[in-house]
PDB file of all heavy atoms in Angstrom:
ATOM      1  N   LEU A   1      58.624 -45.424 -16.177  1.00  0.00           N
ATOM      2  CA  LEU A   1      58.197 -44.289 -17.056  1.00  0.00           C
ATOM      3  C   LEU A   1      59.362 -43.193 -17.118  1.00  0.00           C
ATOM      4  O   LEU A   1      59.802 -42.835 -16.115  1.00  0.00           O
ATOM      5  CB  LEU A   1      56.894 -43.586 -16.591  1.00  0.00           C
ATOM      6  CG  LEU A   1      55.698 -44.438 -16.459  1.00  0.00           C
ATOM      7  CD1 LEU A   1      54.471 -43.527 -16.066  1.00  0.00           C
ATOM      8  CD2 LEU A   1      55.319 -45.020 -17.906  1.00  0.00           C
ATOM      9  N   THR A   2      59.816 -43.018 -18.367  1.00  0.00           N
ATOM     10  CA  THR A   2      60.859 -41.952 -18.512  1.00  0.00           C
ATOM     11  C   THR A   2      60.410 -41.021 -19.766  1.00  0.00           C
ATOM     12  O   THR A   2      61.106 -41.061 -20.768  1.00  0.00           O
ATOM     13  CB  THR A   2      62.235 -42.589 -18.683  1.00  0.00           C
ATOM     14  OG1 THR A   2      62.278 -43.248 -20.050  1.00  0.00           O
ATOM     15  CG2 THR A   2      62.495 -43.612 -17.693  1.00  0.00           C
ATOM     16  N   THR A   3      59.475 -40.225 -19.458  1.00  0.00           N
ATOM     17  CA  THR A   3      58.931 -39.447 -20.691  1.00  0.00           C
ATOM     18  C   THR A   3      59.681 -38.274 -21.020  1.00  0.00           C
ATOM     19  O   THR A   3      59.374 -37.671 -22.078  1.00  0.00           O
ATOM     20  CB  THR A   3      57.439 -39.197 -20.392  1.00  0.00           C
ATOM     21  OG1 THR A   3      57.375 -38.425 -19.157  1.00  0.00           O
ATOM     22  CG2 THR A   3      56.598 -40.372 -20.262  1.00  0.00           C
ATOM     23  N   GLY A   4      60.589 -37.871 -20.229  1.00  0.00           N
ATOM     24  CA  GLY A   4      61.428 -36.696 -20.436  1.00  0.00           C
ATOM     25  C   GLY A   4      60.534 -35.330 -20.620  1.00  0.00           C
ATOM     26  O   GLY A   4      59.663 -35.114 -19.942  1.00  0.00           O
ATOM     27  N   THR A   5      60.822 -34.662 -21.743  1.00  0.00           N
ATOM     28  CA  THR A   5      60.007 -33.370 -22.088  1.00  0.00           C
ATOM     29  C   THR A   5      58.874 -33.678 -22.987  1.00  0.00           C
ATOM     30  O   THR A   5      58.326 -32.640 -23.521  1.00  0.00           O
ATOM     31  CB  THR A   5      60.924 -32.187 -22.502  1.00  0.00           C
ATOM     32  OG1 THR A   5      61.591 -32.682 -23.642  1.00  0.00           O
ATOM     33  CG2 THR A   5      62.011 -31.905 -21.513  1.00  0.00           C
ATOM     34  N   ALA A   6      58.671 -34.826 -23.237  1.00  0.00           N
ATOM     35  CA  ALA A   6      57.565 -35.118 -24.323  1.00  0.00           C
ATOM     36  C   ALA A   6      56.158 -35.096 -23.776  1.00  0.00           C
ATOM     37  O   ALA A   6      55.180 -35.063 -24.470  1.00  0.00           O
ATOM     38  CB  ALA A   6      57.830 -36.490 -24.950  1.00  0.00           C
ATOM     39  N   ALA A   7      55.994 -35.239 -22.337  1.00  0.00           N
ATOM     40  CA  ALA A   7      54.699 -35.296 -21.741  1.00  0.00           C
ATOM     41  C   ALA A   7      53.917 -34.017 -21.882  1.00  0.00           C
ATOM     42  O   ALA A   7      54.254 -33.004 -21.295  1.00  0.00           O
ATOM     43  CB  ALA A   7      55.001 -35.713 -20.263  1.00  0.00           C
ATOM     44  N   ARG A   8      52.999 -33.991 -22.757  1.00  0.00           N
ATOM     45  CA  ARG A   8      52.200 -32.777 -23.113  1.00  0.00           C
ATOM     46  C   ARG A   8      53.036 -31.655 -23.384  1.00  0.00           C
ATOM     47  O   ARG A   8      52.819 -30.568 -23.066  1.00  0.00           O
ATOM     48  CB  ARG A   8      51.184 -32.435 -22.028  1.00  0.00           C
ATOM     49  CG  ARG A   8      49.936 -33.284 -22.010  1.00  0.00           C
ATOM     50  CD  ARG A   8      48.715 -32.779 -21.189  1.00  0.00           C
ATOM     51  NE  ARG A   8      48.990 -32.747 -19.770  1.00  0.00           N
ATOM     52  CZ  ARG A   8      48.166 -33.066 -18.811  1.00  0.00           C
ATOM     53  NH1 ARG A   8      46.886 -33.318 -19.064  1.00  0.00           N
ATOM     54  NH2 ARG A   8      48.397 -32.924 -17.499  1.00  0.00           N
ATOM     55  N   GLY A   9      54.119 -31.988 -24.130  1.00  0.00           N
ATOM     56  CA  GLY A   9      55.066 -31.052 -24.544  1.00  0.00           C
ATOM     57  C   GLY A   9      54.531 -29.831 -25.437  1.00  0.00           C
ATOM     58  O   GLY A   9      53.735 -30.083 -26.259  1.00  0.00           O
ATOM     59  N   LYS A  10      54.971 -28.566 -25.142  1.00  0.00           N
ATOM     60  CA  LYS A  10      54.521 -27.492 -25.913  1.00  0.00           C
ATOM     61  C   LYS A  10      55.796 -26.620 -26.312  1.00  0.00           C
ATOM     62  O   LYS A  10      56.524 -26.134 -25.353  1.00  0.00           O
ATOM     63  CB  LYS A  10      53.464 -26.685 -25.183  1.00  0.00           C
ATOM     64  CG  LYS A  10      53.081 -25.444 -26.018  1.00  0.00           C
ATOM     65  CD  LYS A  10      51.850 -24.792 -25.308  1.00  0.00           C
ATOM     66  CE  LYS A  10      52.109 -23.932 -24.148  1.00  0.00           C
ATOM     67  NZ  LYS A  10      51.175 -23.160 -23.750  1.00  0.00           N
ATOM     68  N   ILE A  11      56.162 -26.429 -27.475  1.00  0.00           N
ATOM     69  CA  ILE A  11      57.208 -25.593 -27.931  1.00  0.00           C
ATOM     70  C   ILE A  11      56.654 -24.135 -28.088  1.00  0.00           C
ATOM     71  O   ILE A  11      55.663 -23.859 -28.596  1.00  0.00           O
ATOM     72  CB  ILE A  11      57.801 -26.117 -29.197  1.00  0.00           C
ATOM     73  CG1 ILE A  11      58.712 -27.323 -28.819  1.00  0.00           C
ATOM     74  CG2 ILE A  11      58.562 -25.101 -30.009  1.00  0.00           C
ATOM     75  CD1 ILE A  11      59.490 -27.969 -30.079  1.00  0.00           C
ATOM     76  N   ILE A  12      57.634 -23.248 -27.723  1.00  0.00           N
ATOM     77  CA  ILE A  12      57.264 -21.770 -27.758  1.00  0.00           C
ATOM     78  C   ILE A  12      58.415 -20.937 -28.433  1.00  0.00           C
ATOM     79  O   ILE A  12      59.571 -21.079 -27.814  1.00  0.00           O
ATOM     80  CB  ILE A  12      56.990 -21.277 -26.233  1.00  0.00           C
ATOM     81  CG1 ILE A  12      55.835 -22.079 -25.666  1.00  0.00           C
ATOM     82  CG2 ILE A  12      56.696 -19.765 -26.291  1.00  0.00           C
ATOM     83  CD1 ILE A  12      55.748 -21.986 -24.047  1.00  0.00           C
ATOM     84  N   ILE A  13      58.083 -20.295 -29.406  1.00  0.00           N
ATOM     85  CA  ILE A  13      59.103 -19.399 -30.101  1.00  0.00           C
ATOM     86  C   ILE A  13      58.338 -18.143 -30.314  1.00  0.00           C
ATOM     87  O   ILE A  13      57.452 -17.961 -31.232  1.00  0.00           O
ATOM     88  CB  ILE A  13      59.550 -20.047 -31.451  1.00  0.00           C
ATOM     89  CG1 ILE A  13      60.181 -21.427 -31.241  1.00  0.00           C
ATOM     90  CG2 ILE A  13      60.582 -19.015 -32.098  1.00  0.00           C
ATOM     91  CD1 ILE A  13      60.507 -22.033 -32.584  1.00  0.00           C
ATOM     92  N   GLY A  14      58.579 -17.069 -29.455  1.00  0.00           N
ATOM     93  CA  GLY A  14      57.859 -15.744 -29.549  1.00  0.00           C
ATOM     94  C   GLY A  14      56.322 -16.065 -29.367  1.00  0.00           C
ATOM     95  O   GLY A  14      56.020 -16.593 -28.467  1.00  0.00           O
ATOM     96  N   GLU A  15      55.587 -15.588 -30.281  1.00  0.00           N
ATOM     97  CA  GLU A  15      54.070 -15.767 -30.185  1.00  0.00           C
ATOM     98  C   GLU A  15      53.573 -17.151 -30.709  1.00  0.00           C
ATOM     99  O   GLU A  15      52.398 -17.371 -30.424  1.00  0.00           O
ATOM    100  CB  GLU A  15      53.404 -14.666 -31.125  1.00  0.00           C
ATOM    101  CG  GLU A  15      53.622 -13.224 -30.484  1.00  0.00           C
ATOM    102  CD  GLU A  15      54.924 -12.569 -31.010  1.00  0.00           C
ATOM    103  OE1 GLU A  15      55.600 -13.192 -31.877  1.00  0.00           O
ATOM    104  OE2 GLU A  15      55.272 -11.509 -30.527  1.00  0.00           O
ATOM    105  N   LEU A  16      54.572 -17.891 -31.282  1.00  0.00           N
ATOM    106  CA  LEU A  16      54.185 -19.229 -31.808  1.00  0.00           C
ATOM    107  C   LEU A  16      54.262 -20.323 -30.746  1.00  0.00           C
ATOM    108  O   LEU A  16      55.315 -20.392 -29.993  1.00  0.00           O
ATOM    109  CB  LEU A  16      55.165 -19.520 -32.966  1.00  0.00           C
ATOM    110  CG  LEU A  16      54.992 -20.913 -33.557  1.00  0.00           C
ATOM    111  CD1 LEU A  16      53.690 -21.094 -34.174  1.00  0.00           C
ATOM    112  CD2 LEU A  16      56.262 -21.303 -34.389  1.00  0.00           C
ATOM    113  N   THR A  17      53.124 -21.059 -30.637  1.00  0.00           N
ATOM    114  CA  THR A  17      53.177 -22.160 -29.596  1.00  0.00           C
ATOM    115  C   THR A  17      52.574 -23.343 -30.353  1.00  0.00           C
ATOM    116  O   THR A  17      51.599 -23.178 -31.164  1.00  0.00           O
ATOM    117  CB  THR A  17      52.371 -21.777 -28.414  1.00  0.00           C
ATOM    118  OG1 THR A  17      51.032 -21.694 -28.625  1.00  0.00           O
ATOM    119  CG2 THR A  17      52.874 -20.636 -27.690  1.00  0.00           C
ATOM    120  N   TYR A  18      53.100 -24.464 -30.273  1.00  0.00           N
ATOM    121  CA  TYR A  18      52.502 -25.728 -30.735  1.00  0.00           C
ATOM    122  C   TYR A  18      52.841 -27.052 -29.991  1.00  0.00           C
ATOM    123  O   TYR A  18      53.855 -27.005 -29.319  1.00  0.00           O
ATOM    124  CB  TYR A  18      52.867 -25.902 -32.164  1.00  0.00           C
ATOM    125  CG  TYR A  18      54.371 -25.922 -32.498  1.00  0.00           C
ATOM    126  CD1 TYR A  18      54.986 -27.146 -32.512  1.00  0.00           C
ATOM    127  CD2 TYR A  18      55.147 -24.775 -32.729  1.00  0.00           C
ATOM    128  CE1 TYR A  18      56.395 -27.207 -32.869  1.00  0.00           C
ATOM    129  CE2 TYR A  18      56.487 -24.833 -33.022  1.00  0.00           C
ATOM    130  CZ  TYR A  18      57.051 -26.010 -33.046  1.00  0.00           C
ATOM    131  OH  TYR A  18      58.439 -26.078 -33.291  1.00  0.00           O
ATOM    132  N   SER A  19      51.967 -27.958 -29.939  1.00  0.00           N
ATOM    133  CA  SER A  19      52.244 -29.160 -29.286  1.00  0.00           C
ATOM    134  C   SER A  19      53.340 -29.979 -29.920  1.00  0.00           C
ATOM    135  O   SER A  19      53.301 -30.218 -31.174  1.00  0.00           O
ATOM    136  CB  SER A  19      50.870 -29.996 -29.303  1.00  0.00           C
ATOM    137  OG  SER A  19      50.978 -31.241 -28.623  1.00  0.00           O
ATOM    138  N   SER A  20      54.275 -30.283 -29.098  1.00  0.00           N
ATOM    139  CA  SER A  20      55.559 -30.979 -29.714  1.00  0.00           C
ATOM    140  C   SER A  20      56.352 -31.561 -28.555  1.00  0.00           C
ATOM    141  O   SER A  20      56.433 -30.957 -27.461  1.00  0.00           O
ATOM    142  CB  SER A  20      56.338 -30.176 -30.537  1.00  0.00           C
ATOM    143  OG  SER A  20      57.499 -30.727 -31.014  1.00  0.00           O
ATOM    144  N   GLY A  21      57.071 -32.560 -28.878  1.00  0.00           N
ATOM    145  CA  GLY A  21      58.097 -33.023 -27.960  1.00  0.00           C
ATOM    146  C   GLY A  21      59.438 -32.264 -28.319  1.00  0.00           C
ATOM    147  O   GLY A  21      59.356 -31.419 -29.220  1.00  0.00           O
ATOM    148  N   PRO A  22      60.595 -32.663 -27.796  1.00  0.00           N
ATOM    149  CA  PRO A  22      61.879 -32.063 -28.051  1.00  0.00           C
ATOM    150  C   PRO A  22      62.211 -32.198 -29.550  1.00  0.00           C
ATOM    151  O   PRO A  22      61.821 -33.144 -30.108  1.00  0.00           O
ATOM    152  CB  PRO A  22      62.809 -32.675 -27.149  1.00  0.00           C
ATOM    153  CG  PRO A  22      62.195 -33.964 -26.823  1.00  0.00           C
ATOM    154  CD  PRO A  22      60.775 -33.708 -26.813  1.00  0.00           C
ATOM    155  N   ASN A  23      62.765 -31.102 -30.046  1.00  0.00           N
ATOM    156  CA  ASN A  23      63.322 -31.179 -31.450  1.00  0.00           C
ATOM    157  C   ASN A  23      62.282 -31.581 -32.476  1.00  0.00           C
ATOM    158  O   ASN A  23      62.455 -32.281 -33.502  1.00  0.00           O
ATOM    159  CB  ASN A  23      64.418 -32.209 -31.466  1.00  0.00           C
ATOM    160  CG  ASN A  23      65.373 -31.950 -32.577  1.00  0.00           C
ATOM    161  OD1 ASN A  23      65.901 -30.927 -32.656  1.00  0.00           O
ATOM    162  ND2 ASN A  23      65.848 -32.963 -33.430  1.00  0.00           N
ATOM    163  N   ASN A  24      61.014 -30.917 -32.217  1.00  0.00           N
ATOM    164  CA  ASN A  24      60.002 -31.175 -33.124  1.00  0.00           C
ATOM    165  C   ASN A  24      59.448 -32.527 -33.296  1.00  0.00           C
ATOM    166  O   ASN A  24      59.068 -33.003 -34.433  1.00  0.00           O
ATOM    167  CB  ASN A  24      60.209 -30.508 -34.465  1.00  0.00           C
ATOM    168  CG  ASN A  24      60.099 -28.975 -34.562  1.00  0.00           C
ATOM    169  OD1 ASN A  24      59.351 -28.461 -33.702  1.00  0.00           O
ATOM    170  ND2 ASN A  24      60.965 -28.369 -35.205  1.00  0.00           N
ATOM    171  N   THR A  25      59.522 -33.347 -32.377  1.00  0.00           N
ATOM    172  CA  THR A  25      59.123 -34.772 -32.396  1.00  0.00           C
ATOM    173  C   THR A  25      57.595 -34.797 -31.842  1.00  0.00           C
ATOM    174  O   THR A  25      57.117 -33.891 -31.310  1.00  0.00           O
ATOM    175  CB  THR A  25      59.944 -35.583 -31.368  1.00  0.00           C
ATOM    176  OG1 THR A  25      60.076 -35.095 -30.178  1.00  0.00           O
ATOM    177  CG2 THR A  25      61.440 -35.775 -32.050  1.00  0.00           C
ATOM    178  N   THR A  26      57.055 -36.082 -31.962  1.00  0.00           N
ATOM    179  CA  THR A  26      55.731 -36.255 -31.525  1.00  0.00           C
ATOM    180  C   THR A  26      55.614 -36.197 -30.123  1.00  0.00           C
ATOM    181  O   THR A  26      56.356 -36.829 -29.371  1.00  0.00           O
ATOM    182  CB  THR A  26      55.180 -37.574 -32.075  1.00  0.00           C
ATOM    183  OG1 THR A  26      55.243 -37.594 -33.399  1.00  0.00           O
ATOM    184  CG2 THR A  26      53.751 -37.776 -31.651  1.00  0.00           C
ATOM    185  N   PRO A  27      54.685 -35.413 -29.504  1.00  0.00           N
ATOM    186  CA  PRO A  27      54.470 -35.475 -28.012  1.00  0.00           C
ATOM    187  C   PRO A  27      53.666 -36.436 -27.407  1.00  0.00           C
ATOM    188  O   PRO A  27      53.026 -37.204 -28.271  1.00  0.00           O
ATOM    189  CB  PRO A  27      53.753 -34.121 -27.751  1.00  0.00           C
ATOM    190  CG  PRO A  27      52.869 -33.926 -28.945  1.00  0.00           C
ATOM    191  CD  PRO A  27      53.667 -34.546 -30.153  1.00  0.00           C
ATOM    192  N   SER A  28      53.847 -36.795 -26.121  1.00  0.00           N
ATOM    193  CA  SER A  28      52.963 -37.744 -25.489  1.00  0.00           C
ATOM    194  C   SER A  28      51.923 -37.048 -24.686  1.00  0.00           C
ATOM    195  O   SER A  28      52.072 -36.182 -23.801  1.00  0.00           O
ATOM    196  CB  SER A  28      53.834 -38.618 -24.421  1.00  0.00           C
ATOM    197  OG  SER A  28      53.042 -39.350 -23.639  1.00  0.00           O
ATOM    198  N   ILE A  29      50.654 -37.258 -25.130  1.00  0.00           N
ATOM    199  CA  ILE A  29      49.467 -36.479 -24.622  1.00  0.00           C
ATOM    200  C   ILE A  29      48.637 -37.272 -23.600  1.00  0.00           C
ATOM    201  O   ILE A  29      48.506 -36.872 -22.392  1.00  0.00           O
ATOM    202  CB  ILE A  29      48.525 -35.979 -25.655  1.00  0.00           C
ATOM    203  CG1 ILE A  29      49.271 -35.111 -26.749  1.00  0.00           C
ATOM    204  CG2 ILE A  29      47.461 -35.127 -25.149  1.00  0.00           C
ATOM    205  CD1 ILE A  29      50.042 -33.897 -26.127  1.00  0.00           C
ATOM    206  N   LYS A  30      48.168 -38.482 -24.052  1.00  0.00           N
ATOM    207  CA  LYS A  30      47.273 -39.299 -23.279  1.00  0.00           C
ATOM    208  C   LYS A  30      47.903 -39.931 -21.922  1.00  0.00           C
ATOM    209  O   LYS A  30      47.118 -40.069 -20.970  1.00  0.00           O
ATOM    210  CB  LYS A  30      46.668 -40.325 -24.108  1.00  0.00           C
ATOM    211  CG  LYS A  30      45.798 -39.691 -25.231  1.00  0.00           C
ATOM    212  CD  LYS A  30      44.983 -40.684 -25.992  1.00  0.00           C
ATOM    213  CE  LYS A  30      44.055 -40.114 -27.013  1.00  0.00           C
ATOM    214  NZ  LYS A  30      43.339 -41.209 -27.768  1.00  0.00           N
ATOM    215  N   LEU A  31      49.268 -40.185 -21.887  1.00  0.00           N
ATOM    216  CA  LEU A  31      49.695 -40.847 -20.754  1.00  0.00           C
ATOM    217  C   LEU A  31      49.659 -39.862 -19.549  1.00  0.00           C
ATOM    218  O   LEU A  31      49.426 -40.263 -18.513  1.00  0.00           O
ATOM    219  CB  LEU A  31      51.196 -41.186 -21.060  1.00  0.00           C
ATOM    220  CG  LEU A  31      51.905 -41.972 -19.950  1.00  0.00           C
ATOM    221  CD1 LEU A  31      51.093 -43.248 -19.529  1.00  0.00           C
ATOM    222  CD2 LEU A  31      53.332 -42.261 -20.369  1.00  0.00           C
ATOM    223  N   SER A  32      49.988 -38.533 -19.804  1.00  0.00           N
ATOM    224  CA  SER A  32      49.761 -37.562 -18.705  1.00  0.00           C
ATOM    225  C   SER A  32      48.401 -37.564 -18.139  1.00  0.00           C
ATOM    226  O   SER A  32      48.034 -37.522 -16.990  1.00  0.00           O
ATOM    227  CB  SER A  32      50.065 -36.174 -19.129  1.00  0.00           C
ATOM    228  OG  SER A  32      51.574 -35.945 -19.246  1.00  0.00           O
ATOM    229  N   GLU A  33      47.383 -37.605 -19.011  1.00  0.00           N
ATOM    230  CA  GLU A  33      46.002 -37.610 -18.587  1.00  0.00           C
ATOM    231  C   GLU A  33      45.696 -38.869 -17.820  1.00  0.00           C
ATOM    232  O   GLU A  33      44.895 -38.784 -16.822  1.00  0.00           O
ATOM    233  CB  GLU A  33      45.124 -37.521 -19.901  1.00  0.00           C
ATOM    234  CG  GLU A  33      45.157 -36.200 -20.746  1.00  0.00           C
ATOM    235  CD  GLU A  33      44.488 -36.250 -22.119  1.00  0.00           C
ATOM    236  OE1 GLU A  33      44.030 -37.292 -22.385  1.00  0.00           O
ATOM    237  OE2 GLU A  33      44.456 -35.217 -22.717  1.00  0.00           O
ATOM    238  N   ASN A  34      46.218 -40.072 -18.235  1.00  0.00           N
ATOM    239  CA  ASN A  34      45.993 -41.217 -17.516  1.00  0.00           C
ATOM    240  C   ASN A  34      46.655 -41.175 -16.209  1.00  0.00           C
ATOM    241  O   ASN A  34      46.089 -41.613 -15.115  1.00  0.00           O
ATOM    242  CB  ASN A  34      46.631 -42.391 -18.318  1.00  0.00           C
ATOM    243  CG  ASN A  34      46.414 -43.714 -17.695  1.00  0.00           C
ATOM    244  OD1 ASN A  34      47.351 -44.504 -17.516  1.00  0.00           O
ATOM    245  ND2 ASN A  34      45.268 -44.153 -17.439  1.00  0.00           N
ATOM    246  N   LEU A  35      47.801 -40.555 -16.062  1.00  0.00           N
ATOM    247  CA  LEU A  35      48.458 -40.378 -14.759  1.00  0.00           C
ATOM    248  C   LEU A  35      47.640 -39.544 -13.725  1.00  0.00           C
ATOM    249  O   LEU A  35      47.520 -39.894 -12.604  1.00  0.00           O
ATOM    250  CB  LEU A  35      49.916 -39.956 -14.940  1.00  0.00           C
ATOM    251  CG  LEU A  35      50.907 -40.738 -15.535  1.00  0.00           C
ATOM    252  CD1 LEU A  35      52.209 -39.943 -15.732  1.00  0.00           C
ATOM    253  CD2 LEU A  35      51.236 -41.941 -14.670  1.00  0.00           C
ATOM    254  N   GLU A  36      47.027 -38.581 -14.304  1.00  0.00           N
ATOM    255  CA  GLU A  36      46.197 -37.709 -13.509  1.00  0.00           C
ATOM    256  C   GLU A  36      44.966 -38.524 -12.970  1.00  0.00           C
ATOM    257  O   GLU A  36      44.537 -38.362 -11.816  1.00  0.00           O
ATOM    258  CB  GLU A  36      45.817 -36.501 -14.238  1.00  0.00           C
ATOM    259  CG  GLU A  36      46.924 -35.378 -14.344  1.00  0.00           C
ATOM    260  CD  GLU A  36      46.562 -34.222 -15.143  1.00  0.00           C
ATOM    261  OE1 GLU A  36      45.670 -34.368 -16.052  1.00  0.00           O
ATOM    262  OE2 GLU A  36      46.964 -33.123 -14.801  1.00  0.00           O
ATOM    263  N   LYS A  37      44.349 -39.304 -13.897  1.00  0.00           N
ATOM    264  CA  LYS A  37      43.172 -40.171 -13.564  1.00  0.00           C
ATOM    265  C   LYS A  37      43.549 -41.106 -12.509  1.00  0.00           C
ATOM    266  O   LYS A  37      42.683 -41.491 -11.557  1.00  0.00           O
ATOM    267  CB  LYS A  37      42.625 -40.783 -14.744  1.00  0.00           C
ATOM    268  CG  LYS A  37      41.852 -39.778 -15.660  1.00  0.00           C
ATOM    269  CD  LYS A  37      41.394 -40.704 -16.976  1.00  0.00           C
ATOM    270  CE  LYS A  37      40.814 -39.826 -17.886  1.00  0.00           C
ATOM    271  NZ  LYS A  37      40.345 -40.552 -19.124  1.00  0.00           N
ATOM    272  N   LEU A  38      44.830 -41.537 -12.494  1.00  0.00           N
ATOM    273  CA  LEU A  38      45.347 -42.590 -11.347  1.00  0.00           C
ATOM    274  C   LEU A  38      45.717 -41.896 -10.183  1.00  0.00           C
ATOM    275  O   LEU A  38      46.043 -42.532  -9.204  1.00  0.00           O
ATOM    276  CB  LEU A  38      46.551 -43.267 -12.072  1.00  0.00           C
ATOM    277  CG  LEU A  38      46.195 -44.167 -13.154  1.00  0.00           C
ATOM    278  CD1 LEU A  38      47.475 -44.752 -13.793  1.00  0.00           C
ATOM    279  CD2 LEU A  38      45.361 -45.450 -12.662  1.00  0.00           C
ATOM    280  N   GLY A  39      45.551 -40.482 -10.075  1.00  0.00           N
ATOM    281  CA  GLY A  39      45.770 -39.755  -8.805  1.00  0.00           C
ATOM    282  C   GLY A  39      47.026 -39.148  -8.608  1.00  0.00           C
ATOM    283  O   GLY A  39      47.251 -38.609  -7.613  1.00  0.00           O
ATOM    284  N   PHE A  40      47.901 -39.033  -9.664  1.00  0.00           N
ATOM    285  CA  PHE A  40      49.196 -38.426  -9.547  1.00  0.00           C
ATOM    286  C   PHE A  40      49.040 -36.913  -9.670  1.00  0.00           C
ATOM    287  O   PHE A  40      48.375 -36.427 -10.430  1.00  0.00           O
ATOM    288  CB  PHE A  40      50.214 -38.929 -10.592  1.00  0.00           C
ATOM    289  CG  PHE A  40      50.646 -40.398 -10.316  1.00  0.00           C
ATOM    290  CD1 PHE A  40      50.096 -41.520 -10.976  1.00  0.00           C
ATOM    291  CD2 PHE A  40      51.632 -40.565  -9.465  1.00  0.00           C
ATOM    292  CE1 PHE A  40      50.449 -42.720 -10.730  1.00  0.00           C
ATOM    293  CE2 PHE A  40      52.185 -41.970  -9.130  1.00  0.00           C
ATOM    294  CZ  PHE A  40      51.506 -43.011  -9.785  1.00  0.00           C
ATOM    295  N   LYS A  41      49.863 -36.287  -8.819  1.00  0.00           N
ATOM    296  CA  LYS A  41      49.969 -34.852  -8.895  1.00  0.00           C
ATOM    297  C   LYS A  41      51.101 -34.507  -9.954  1.00  0.00           C
ATOM    298  O   LYS A  41      52.190 -34.735  -9.684  1.00  0.00           O
ATOM    299  CB  LYS A  41      50.386 -34.213  -7.571  1.00  0.00           C
ATOM    300  CG  LYS A  41      50.715 -32.833  -7.441  1.00  0.00           C
ATOM    301  CD  LYS A  41      49.443 -31.992  -7.540  1.00  0.00           C
ATOM    302  CE  LYS A  41      49.764 -30.441  -7.327  1.00  0.00           C
ATOM    303  NZ  LYS A  41      48.705 -29.595  -7.557  1.00  0.00           N
ATOM    304  N   LEU A  42      50.646 -33.832 -10.997  1.00  0.00           N
ATOM    305  CA  LEU A  42      51.616 -33.220 -11.876  1.00  0.00           C
ATOM    306  C   LEU A  42      51.819 -31.768 -11.881  1.00  0.00           C
ATOM    307  O   LEU A  42      50.876 -30.966 -11.390  1.00  0.00           O
ATOM    308  CB  LEU A  42      51.138 -33.647 -13.354  1.00  0.00           C
ATOM    309  CG  LEU A  42      50.732 -35.113 -13.648  1.00  0.00           C
ATOM    310  CD1 LEU A  42      50.428 -35.263 -15.119  1.00  0.00           C
ATOM    311  CD2 LEU A  42      51.900 -36.080 -13.235  1.00  0.00           C
ATOM    312  N   ARG A  43      52.823 -31.361 -12.424  1.00  0.00           N
ATOM    313  CA  ARG A  43      53.056 -29.739 -12.531  1.00  0.00           C
ATOM    314  C   ARG A  43      53.805 -29.456 -13.805  1.00  0.00           C
ATOM    315  O   ARG A  43      54.341 -30.428 -14.435  1.00  0.00           O
ATOM    316  CB  ARG A  43      53.858 -29.208 -11.352  1.00  0.00           C
ATOM    317  CG  ARG A  43      55.207 -29.626 -11.147  1.00  0.00           C
ATOM    318  CD  ARG A  43      55.781 -28.941  -9.957  1.00  0.00           C
ATOM    319  NE  ARG A  43      55.824 -27.533  -9.863  1.00  0.00           N
ATOM    320  CZ  ARG A  43      55.989 -26.881  -8.884  1.00  0.00           C
ATOM    321  NH1 ARG A  43      56.224 -27.382  -7.672  1.00  0.00           N
ATOM    322  NH2 ARG A  43      55.899 -25.510  -9.031  1.00  0.00           N
TER     323      ARG A  43
END
């Protein structure tokens, strides 16, 4: 697994926040949730 900054990525510009990977790409959401279910500690 080499998900970089896409794992539940959230871009922040001032008051604006939105779900996104780097450079406005599609984020990876469910893989992080799966890792937590498998017992991994995330931060």
